[in-house]
């Protein structure tokens, strides 16, 4: 509870207790018969008890509303945090997929380049072997 609520609670309690004491003193000092005095005390105590119960119910309702509001605010904040975390996770996943796709593309390009170079070396080797065979045949003839 905040300090303002503590002061309000203390004030209400003081007012109720003070009212009860004042009513009891007023009844006890009034010139009435015993039966009338007992009835007055009973009526006043019932009235004070009823007022105290009403104040208690009112305070309980206010506190319940405050707790409910606080819980709902907490849920909203928690959901915002969860949504933010999901968004960041999706962004990271997208970035990772982009890097992976780029790596696959570069690997595919590198593979094609190596295959072309191997084919060029084969072609050059065949040409060199053919040339060597021709020269060997010419040298023997």
N, C-alpha and C. Protein backbone atom coordinates (compact mmCIF):
# COMPACT_ATOMS: atom_id res chain seq x y z
N UNK A 1 0.84 -1.18 0.00
CA UNK A 1 0.00 0.00 0.00
C UNK A 1 0.88 1.24 0.00
N UNK A 2 0.39 2.32 -0.59
CA UNK A 2 1.15 3.55 -0.57
C UNK A 2 0.88 4.29 0.73
N UNK A 3 1.70 5.31 0.99
CA UNK A 3 1.54 6.08 2.22
C UNK A 3 0.18 6.76 2.29
N UNK A 4 -0.34 7.24 1.17
CA UNK A 4 -1.65 7.88 1.14
C UNK A 4 -2.74 6.92 1.57
N UNK A 5 -2.64 5.69 1.15
CA UNK A 5 -3.64 4.69 1.54
C UNK A 5 -3.51 4.35 3.02
N UNK A 6 -2.27 4.31 3.54
CA UNK A 6 -2.06 4.06 4.97
C UNK A 6 -2.68 5.16 5.81
N UNK A 7 -2.48 6.42 5.40
CA UNK A 7 -3.05 7.54 6.14
C UNK A 7 -4.57 7.49 6.11
N UNK A 8 -5.13 7.18 4.95
CA UNK A 8 -6.59 7.10 4.82
C UNK A 8 -7.14 6.00 5.71
N UNK A 9 -6.49 4.86 5.70
CA UNK A 9 -6.92 3.75 6.54
C UNK A 9 -6.85 4.14 8.02
N UNK A 10 -5.76 4.78 8.42
CA UNK A 10 -5.60 5.22 9.81
C UNK A 10 -6.64 6.26 10.19
N UNK A 11 -6.92 7.17 9.27
CA UNK A 11 -7.92 8.20 9.53
C UNK A 11 -9.30 7.58 9.72
N UNK A 12 -9.65 6.65 8.82
CA UNK A 12 -10.96 5.99 8.92
C UNK A 12 -11.09 5.23 10.23
N UNK A 13 -10.05 4.49 10.59
CA UNK A 13 -10.08 3.73 11.84
C UNK A 13 -10.21 4.68 13.03
N UNK A 14 -9.46 5.77 13.03
CA UNK A 14 -9.53 6.75 14.11
C UNK A 14 -10.90 7.39 14.21
N UNK A 15 -11.49 7.70 13.05
CA UNK A 15 -12.82 8.31 13.04
C UNK A 15 -13.86 7.35 13.60
N UNK A 16 -13.76 6.09 13.23
CA UNK A 16 -14.73 5.10 13.72
C UNK A 16 -14.58 4.90 15.22
N UNK A 17 -13.34 4.70 15.68
CA UNK A 17 -13.10 4.50 17.11
C UNK A 17 -13.49 5.74 17.89
N UNK A 18 -13.12 6.91 17.39
CA UNK A 18 -13.46 8.17 18.06
C UNK A 18 -14.97 8.36 18.14
N UNK A 19 -15.65 8.05 17.05
CA UNK A 19 -17.11 8.16 17.04
C UNK A 19 -17.75 7.22 18.05
N UNK A 20 -17.22 6.01 18.13
CA UNK A 20 -17.77 5.03 19.08
C UNK A 20 -17.55 5.49 20.51
N UNK A 21 -16.36 5.97 20.81
CA UNK A 21 -16.06 6.43 22.17
C UNK A 21 -16.92 7.64 22.51
N UNK A 22 -17.03 8.58 21.57
CA UNK A 22 -17.84 9.77 21.80
C UNK A 22 -19.30 9.42 22.02
N UNK A 23 -19.81 8.49 21.23
CA UNK A 23 -21.20 8.08 21.38
C UNK A 23 -21.42 7.40 22.72
N UNK A 24 -20.48 6.56 23.12
CA UNK A 24 -20.61 5.86 24.40
C UNK A 24 -20.57 6.85 25.55
N UNK A 25 -19.67 7.84 25.49
CA UNK A 25 -19.57 8.85 26.55
C UNK A 25 -20.86 9.67 26.60
N UNK A 26 -21.36 10.06 25.43
CA UNK A 26 -22.60 10.85 25.39
C UNK A 26 -23.76 10.06 25.97
N UNK A 27 -23.83 8.80 25.66
CA UNK A 27 -24.92 7.98 26.18
C UNK A 27 -24.80 7.77 27.68
N UNK A 28 -23.58 7.57 28.13
CA UNK A 28 -23.37 7.30 29.55
C UNK A 28 -23.60 8.54 30.41
N UNK A 29 -23.38 9.70 29.86
CA UNK A 29 -23.55 10.93 30.65
C UNK A 29 -24.95 11.51 30.53
N UNK A 30 -25.74 11.00 29.62
CA UNK A 30 -27.11 11.50 29.45
C UNK A 30 -28.00 10.98 30.58
N UNK A 31 -28.91 11.82 31.05
CA UNK A 31 -29.81 11.39 32.13
C UNK A 31 -30.97 10.56 31.60
N UNK A 32 -30.74 9.24 31.50
CA UNK A 32 -31.77 8.32 31.02
C UNK A 32 -31.86 7.15 31.97
N UNK A 33 -32.94 6.42 31.83
CA UNK A 33 -33.09 5.22 32.66
C UNK A 33 -32.17 4.13 32.15
N UNK A 34 -31.93 3.10 32.92
CA UNK A 34 -31.04 2.01 32.54
C UNK A 34 -31.48 1.31 31.28
N UNK A 35 -32.79 1.06 31.17
CA UNK A 35 -33.31 0.37 30.00
C UNK A 35 -33.11 1.23 28.75
N UNK A 36 -33.44 2.52 28.82
CA UNK A 36 -33.26 3.43 27.69
C UNK A 36 -31.78 3.53 27.31
N UNK A 37 -30.94 3.62 28.33
CA UNK A 37 -29.50 3.72 28.10
C UNK A 37 -28.98 2.48 27.38
N UNK A 38 -29.41 1.31 27.82
CA UNK A 38 -28.97 0.07 27.18
C UNK A 38 -29.46 0.01 25.74
N UNK A 39 -30.69 0.44 25.49
CA UNK A 39 -31.22 0.47 24.12
C UNK A 39 -30.42 1.44 23.25
N UNK A 40 -30.15 2.61 23.78
CA UNK A 40 -29.36 3.61 23.04
C UNK A 40 -27.97 3.06 22.72
N UNK A 41 -27.34 2.44 23.71
CA UNK A 41 -26.00 1.87 23.50
C UNK A 41 -26.08 0.78 22.43
N UNK A 42 -27.08 -0.07 22.51
CA UNK A 42 -27.24 -1.15 21.53
C UNK A 42 -27.47 -0.58 20.14
N UNK A 43 -28.34 0.42 20.04
CA UNK A 43 -28.62 1.03 18.74
C UNK A 43 -27.38 1.71 18.16
N UNK A 44 -26.68 2.47 19.00
CA UNK A 44 -25.48 3.17 18.52
C UNK A 44 -24.39 2.18 18.12
N UNK A 45 -24.22 1.12 18.91
CA UNK A 45 -23.17 0.15 18.56
C UNK A 45 -23.53 -0.57 17.26
N UNK A 46 -24.82 -0.86 17.05
CA UNK A 46 -25.25 -1.47 15.79
C UNK A 46 -25.01 -0.52 14.63
N UNK A 47 -25.31 0.76 14.84
CA UNK A 47 -25.10 1.77 13.80
C UNK A 47 -23.62 1.90 13.46
N UNK A 48 -22.79 1.98 14.49
CA UNK A 48 -21.34 2.11 14.28
C UNK A 48 -20.79 0.86 13.60
N UNK A 49 -21.26 -0.31 14.03
CA UNK A 49 -20.82 -1.57 13.42
C UNK A 49 -21.20 -1.60 11.94
N UNK A 50 -22.41 -1.15 11.63
CA UNK A 50 -22.88 -1.12 10.25
C UNK A 50 -22.03 -0.17 9.41
N UNK A 51 -21.74 1.02 9.95
CA UNK A 51 -20.90 1.99 9.23
C UNK A 51 -19.50 1.42 9.00
N UNK A 52 -18.96 0.77 10.03
CA UNK A 52 -17.62 0.18 9.90
C UNK A 52 -17.61 -0.90 8.83
N UNK A 53 -18.65 -1.73 8.81
CA UNK A 53 -18.74 -2.77 7.78
C UNK A 53 -18.84 -2.17 6.39
N UNK A 54 -19.64 -1.11 6.25
CA UNK A 54 -19.77 -0.44 4.96
C UNK A 54 -18.43 0.14 4.50
N UNK A 55 -17.72 0.79 5.41
CA UNK A 55 -16.41 1.36 5.06
C UNK A 55 -15.43 0.25 4.69
N UNK A 56 -15.50 -0.84 5.45
CA UNK A 56 -14.61 -1.98 5.17
C UNK A 56 -14.89 -2.53 3.77
N UNK A 57 -16.16 -2.71 3.43
CA UNK A 57 -16.54 -3.23 2.11
C UNK A 57 -16.11 -2.27 1.01
N UNK A 58 -16.28 -0.98 1.26
CA UNK A 58 -15.87 0.03 0.28
C UNK A 58 -14.36 -0.01 0.06
N UNK A 59 -13.61 -0.07 1.15
CA UNK A 59 -12.15 -0.13 1.06
C UNK A 59 -11.72 -1.42 0.37
N UNK A 60 -12.36 -2.52 0.72
CA UNK A 60 -12.04 -3.81 0.11
C UNK A 60 -12.28 -3.77 -1.40
N UNK A 61 -13.38 -3.13 -1.80
CA UNK A 61 -13.70 -3.00 -3.22
C UNK A 61 -12.64 -2.16 -3.94
N UNK A 62 -12.22 -1.06 -3.32
CA UNK A 62 -11.20 -0.21 -3.93
C UNK A 62 -9.88 -0.96 -4.07
N UNK A 63 -9.51 -1.68 -3.01
CA UNK A 63 -8.25 -2.45 -3.05
C UNK A 63 -8.35 -3.54 -4.11
N UNK A 64 -9.51 -4.22 -4.17
CA UNK A 64 -9.70 -5.26 -5.18
C UNK A 64 -9.58 -4.70 -6.58
N UNK A 65 -10.17 -3.53 -6.80
CA UNK A 65 -10.07 -2.89 -8.11
C UNK A 65 -8.62 -2.54 -8.42
N UNK A 66 -7.91 -2.00 -7.43
CA UNK A 66 -6.50 -1.64 -7.63
C UNK A 66 -5.67 -2.88 -7.96
N UNK A 67 -5.90 -3.96 -7.23
CA UNK A 67 -5.15 -5.21 -7.49
C UNK A 67 -5.47 -5.73 -8.88
N UNK A 68 -6.74 -5.71 -9.25
CA UNK A 68 -7.15 -6.18 -10.57
C UNK A 68 -6.50 -5.35 -11.67
N UNK A 69 -6.50 -4.03 -11.48
CA UNK A 69 -5.88 -3.14 -12.46
C UNK A 69 -4.38 -3.42 -12.57
N UNK A 70 -3.73 -3.59 -11.43
CA UNK A 70 -2.29 -3.86 -11.43
C UNK A 70 -1.98 -5.18 -12.12
N UNK A 71 -2.77 -6.21 -11.85
CA UNK A 71 -2.57 -7.52 -12.48
C UNK A 71 -2.76 -7.40 -13.99
N UNK A 72 -3.79 -6.69 -14.42
CA UNK A 72 -4.02 -6.52 -15.86
C UNK A 72 -2.89 -5.76 -16.52
N UNK A 73 -2.38 -4.73 -15.86
CA UNK A 73 -1.24 -3.98 -16.40
C UNK A 73 -0.03 -4.89 -16.51
N UNK A 74 0.17 -5.74 -15.51
CA UNK A 74 1.28 -6.69 -15.55
C UNK A 74 1.14 -7.66 -16.71
N UNK A 75 -0.08 -8.13 -16.96
CA UNK A 75 -0.30 -9.04 -18.09
C UNK A 75 0.01 -8.35 -19.41
N UNK A 76 -0.42 -7.11 -19.54
CA UNK A 76 -0.17 -6.36 -20.78
C UNK A 76 1.33 -6.18 -20.99
N UNK A 77 2.04 -5.81 -19.93
CA UNK A 77 3.49 -5.62 -20.05
C UNK A 77 4.18 -6.93 -20.39
N UNK A 78 3.76 -8.02 -19.76
CA UNK A 78 4.35 -9.33 -20.05
C UNK A 78 4.10 -9.72 -21.50
N UNK A 79 2.88 -9.48 -21.99
CA UNK A 79 2.57 -9.80 -23.38
C UNK A 79 3.40 -8.96 -24.33
N UNK A 80 3.62 -7.68 -24.00
CA UNK A 80 4.46 -6.81 -24.83
C UNK A 80 5.89 -7.34 -24.88
N UNK A 81 6.40 -7.80 -23.74
CA UNK A 81 7.76 -8.36 -23.71
C UNK A 81 7.82 -9.62 -24.56
N UNK A 82 6.82 -10.48 -24.44
CA UNK A 82 6.79 -11.72 -25.23
C UNK A 82 6.72 -11.39 -26.71
N UNK A 83 5.87 -10.44 -27.09
CA UNK A 83 5.75 -10.06 -28.50
C UNK A 83 7.06 -9.50 -29.03
N UNK A 84 7.72 -8.68 -28.22
CA UNK A 84 9.01 -8.11 -28.62
C UNK A 84 10.05 -9.21 -28.80
N UNK A 85 10.08 -10.16 -27.89
CA UNK A 85 11.04 -11.27 -27.98
C UNK A 85 10.78 -12.11 -29.23
N UNK A 86 9.50 -12.37 -29.52
CA UNK A 86 9.16 -13.13 -30.73
C UNK A 86 9.61 -12.39 -31.98
N UNK A 87 9.37 -11.07 -31.99
CA UNK A 87 9.75 -10.27 -33.16
C UNK A 87 11.27 -10.32 -33.36
N UNK A 88 12.02 -10.15 -32.28
CA UNK A 88 13.48 -10.20 -32.38
C UNK A 88 13.95 -11.58 -32.82
N UNK A 89 13.32 -12.63 -32.31
CA UNK A 89 13.69 -13.99 -32.70
C UNK A 89 13.42 -14.20 -34.19
N UNK A 90 12.29 -13.71 -34.68
CA UNK A 90 11.97 -13.83 -36.10
C UNK A 90 12.96 -13.05 -36.96
N UNK A 91 13.35 -11.86 -36.50
CA UNK A 91 14.33 -11.07 -37.24
C UNK A 91 15.67 -11.79 -37.31
N UNK A 92 16.09 -12.38 -36.19
CA UNK A 92 17.35 -13.14 -36.17
C UNK A 92 17.26 -14.36 -37.08
N UNK A 93 16.14 -15.05 -37.06
CA UNK A 93 15.94 -16.21 -37.91
C UNK A 93 16.00 -15.81 -39.38
N UNK A 94 15.36 -14.71 -39.73
CA UNK A 94 15.38 -14.23 -41.10
C UNK A 94 16.81 -13.88 -41.52
N UNK A 95 17.55 -13.21 -40.64
CA UNK A 95 18.94 -12.85 -40.94
C UNK A 95 19.78 -14.11 -41.13
N UNK A 96 19.59 -15.11 -40.27
CA UNK A 96 20.35 -16.35 -40.38
C UNK A 96 20.02 -17.07 -41.69
N UNK A 97 18.74 -17.09 -42.07
CA UNK A 97 18.35 -17.71 -43.33
C UNK A 97 18.97 -16.97 -44.52
N UNK A 98 19.03 -15.67 -44.44
CA UNK A 98 19.64 -14.87 -45.52
C UNK A 98 21.12 -15.20 -45.66
N UNK A 99 21.81 -15.29 -44.52
CA UNK A 99 23.24 -15.63 -44.55
C UNK A 99 23.43 -17.03 -45.12
N UNK A 100 22.60 -17.98 -44.70
CA UNK A 100 22.70 -19.35 -45.19
C UNK A 100 22.46 -19.41 -46.69
N UNK A 101 21.42 -18.72 -47.16
CA UNK A 101 21.14 -18.71 -48.60
C UNK A 101 22.28 -18.08 -49.39
N UNK A 102 22.84 -17.02 -48.85
CA UNK A 102 23.98 -16.37 -49.53
C UNK A 102 25.17 -17.31 -49.58
N UNK A 103 25.42 -18.03 -48.47
CA UNK A 103 26.53 -18.98 -48.44
C UNK A 103 26.30 -20.11 -49.45
N UNK A 104 25.05 -20.60 -49.54
CA UNK A 104 24.74 -21.65 -50.51
C UNK A 104 24.97 -21.16 -51.93
N UNK A 105 24.55 -19.93 -52.20
CA UNK A 105 24.73 -19.36 -53.53
C UNK A 105 26.21 -19.24 -53.87
N UNK A 106 26.99 -18.73 -52.92
CA UNK A 106 28.43 -18.59 -53.16
C UNK A 106 29.09 -19.95 -53.32
N UNK A 107 28.67 -20.93 -52.52
CA UNK A 107 29.24 -22.27 -52.64
C UNK A 107 28.89 -22.87 -54.00
N UNK A 108 27.65 -22.67 -54.46
CA UNK A 108 27.24 -23.17 -55.77
C UNK A 108 28.04 -22.51 -56.88
N UNK A 109 28.24 -21.20 -56.78
CA UNK A 109 29.03 -20.46 -57.77
C UNK A 109 30.47 -20.94 -57.76
N UNK A 110 31.04 -21.14 -56.57
CA UNK A 110 32.42 -21.62 -56.47
C UNK A 110 32.54 -23.02 -57.06
N UNK A 111 31.57 -23.87 -56.81
CA UNK A 111 31.59 -25.24 -57.35
C UNK A 111 31.57 -25.20 -58.87
N UNK A 112 30.68 -24.37 -59.45
CA UNK A 112 30.61 -24.24 -60.90
C UNK A 112 31.93 -23.73 -61.47
N UNK A 113 32.52 -22.77 -60.78
CA UNK A 113 33.80 -22.20 -61.23
C UNK A 113 34.89 -23.26 -61.22
N UNK A 114 34.94 -24.06 -60.14
CA UNK A 114 35.94 -25.13 -60.05
C UNK A 114 35.70 -26.16 -61.14
N UNK A 115 34.43 -26.51 -61.38
CA UNK A 115 34.13 -27.49 -62.43
C UNK A 115 34.56 -26.98 -63.80
N UNK A 116 34.34 -25.69 -64.07
CA UNK A 116 34.78 -25.11 -65.34
C UNK A 116 36.30 -25.16 -65.46
N UNK A 117 36.99 -24.87 -64.39
CA UNK A 117 38.46 -24.89 -64.42
C UNK A 117 38.97 -26.32 -64.62
N UNK A 118 38.31 -27.28 -63.97
CA UNK A 118 38.72 -28.68 -64.17
C UNK A 118 38.50 -29.08 -65.62
N UNK A 119 37.38 -28.68 -66.19
CA UNK A 119 37.10 -28.98 -67.60
C UNK A 119 38.13 -28.31 -68.50
N UNK A 120 38.51 -27.08 -68.18
CA UNK A 120 39.54 -26.38 -68.96
C UNK A 120 40.87 -27.12 -68.88
N UNK A 121 41.22 -27.61 -67.68
CA UNK A 121 42.47 -28.36 -67.51
C UNK A 121 42.41 -29.66 -68.29
N UNK A 122 41.27 -30.35 -68.28
CA UNK A 122 41.12 -31.59 -69.05
C UNK A 122 41.31 -31.32 -70.54
N UNK A 123 40.62 -30.27 -70.99
CA UNK A 123 40.72 -29.93 -72.41
C UNK A 123 42.17 -29.60 -72.78
N UNK A 124 42.81 -28.81 -71.93
CA UNK A 124 44.20 -28.44 -72.21
C UNK A 124 45.10 -29.67 -72.15
N UNK A 125 44.84 -30.58 -71.21
CA UNK A 125 45.66 -31.79 -71.08
C UNK A 125 45.48 -32.67 -72.31
N UNK A 126 44.22 -32.82 -72.77
CA UNK A 126 43.97 -33.62 -73.97
C UNK A 126 44.68 -33.02 -75.17
N UNK A 127 44.58 -31.69 -75.27
CA UNK A 127 45.24 -31.02 -76.39
C UNK A 127 46.74 -31.22 -76.32
N UNK A 128 47.29 -31.14 -75.11
CA UNK A 128 48.72 -31.33 -74.94
C UNK A 128 49.13 -32.76 -75.27
N UNK A 129 48.33 -33.72 -74.86
CA UNK A 129 48.63 -35.14 -75.15
C UNK A 129 48.55 -35.37 -76.65
N UNK A 130 47.53 -34.83 -77.30
CA UNK A 130 47.38 -34.99 -78.75
C UNK A 130 48.57 -34.36 -79.48
N UNK A 131 48.95 -33.19 -79.03
CA UNK A 131 50.10 -32.52 -79.65
C UNK A 131 51.36 -33.33 -79.44
N UNK A 132 51.53 -33.86 -78.25
CA UNK A 132 52.71 -34.67 -77.94
C UNK A 132 52.72 -35.92 -78.81
N UNK A 133 51.57 -36.56 -78.98
CA UNK A 133 51.49 -37.76 -79.82
C UNK A 133 51.85 -37.42 -81.26
N UNK A 134 51.35 -36.29 -81.78
CA UNK A 134 51.66 -35.88 -83.14
C UNK A 134 53.15 -35.67 -83.31
N UNK A 135 53.73 -34.99 -82.36
CA UNK A 135 55.16 -34.71 -82.46
C UNK A 135 55.96 -35.99 -82.36
N UNK A 136 55.51 -36.91 -81.54
CA UNK A 136 56.22 -38.19 -81.41
C UNK A 136 56.10 -38.98 -82.71
N UNK A 137 54.91 -38.95 -83.31
CA UNK A 137 54.73 -39.64 -84.59
C UNK A 137 55.58 -39.00 -85.67
N UNK A 138 55.64 -37.70 -85.69
CA UNK A 138 56.44 -37.00 -86.69
C UNK A 138 57.92 -37.25 -86.46
N UNK A 139 58.31 -37.35 -85.21
CA UNK A 139 59.72 -37.58 -84.91
C UNK A 139 60.11 -39.00 -85.30
N UNK A 140 59.23 -39.93 -85.23
CA UNK A 140 59.53 -41.30 -85.58
C UNK A 140 59.50 -41.47 -87.09
N UNK A 141 58.82 -40.68 -87.78
CA UNK A 141 58.73 -40.83 -89.23
C UNK A 141 59.81 -40.08 -89.85
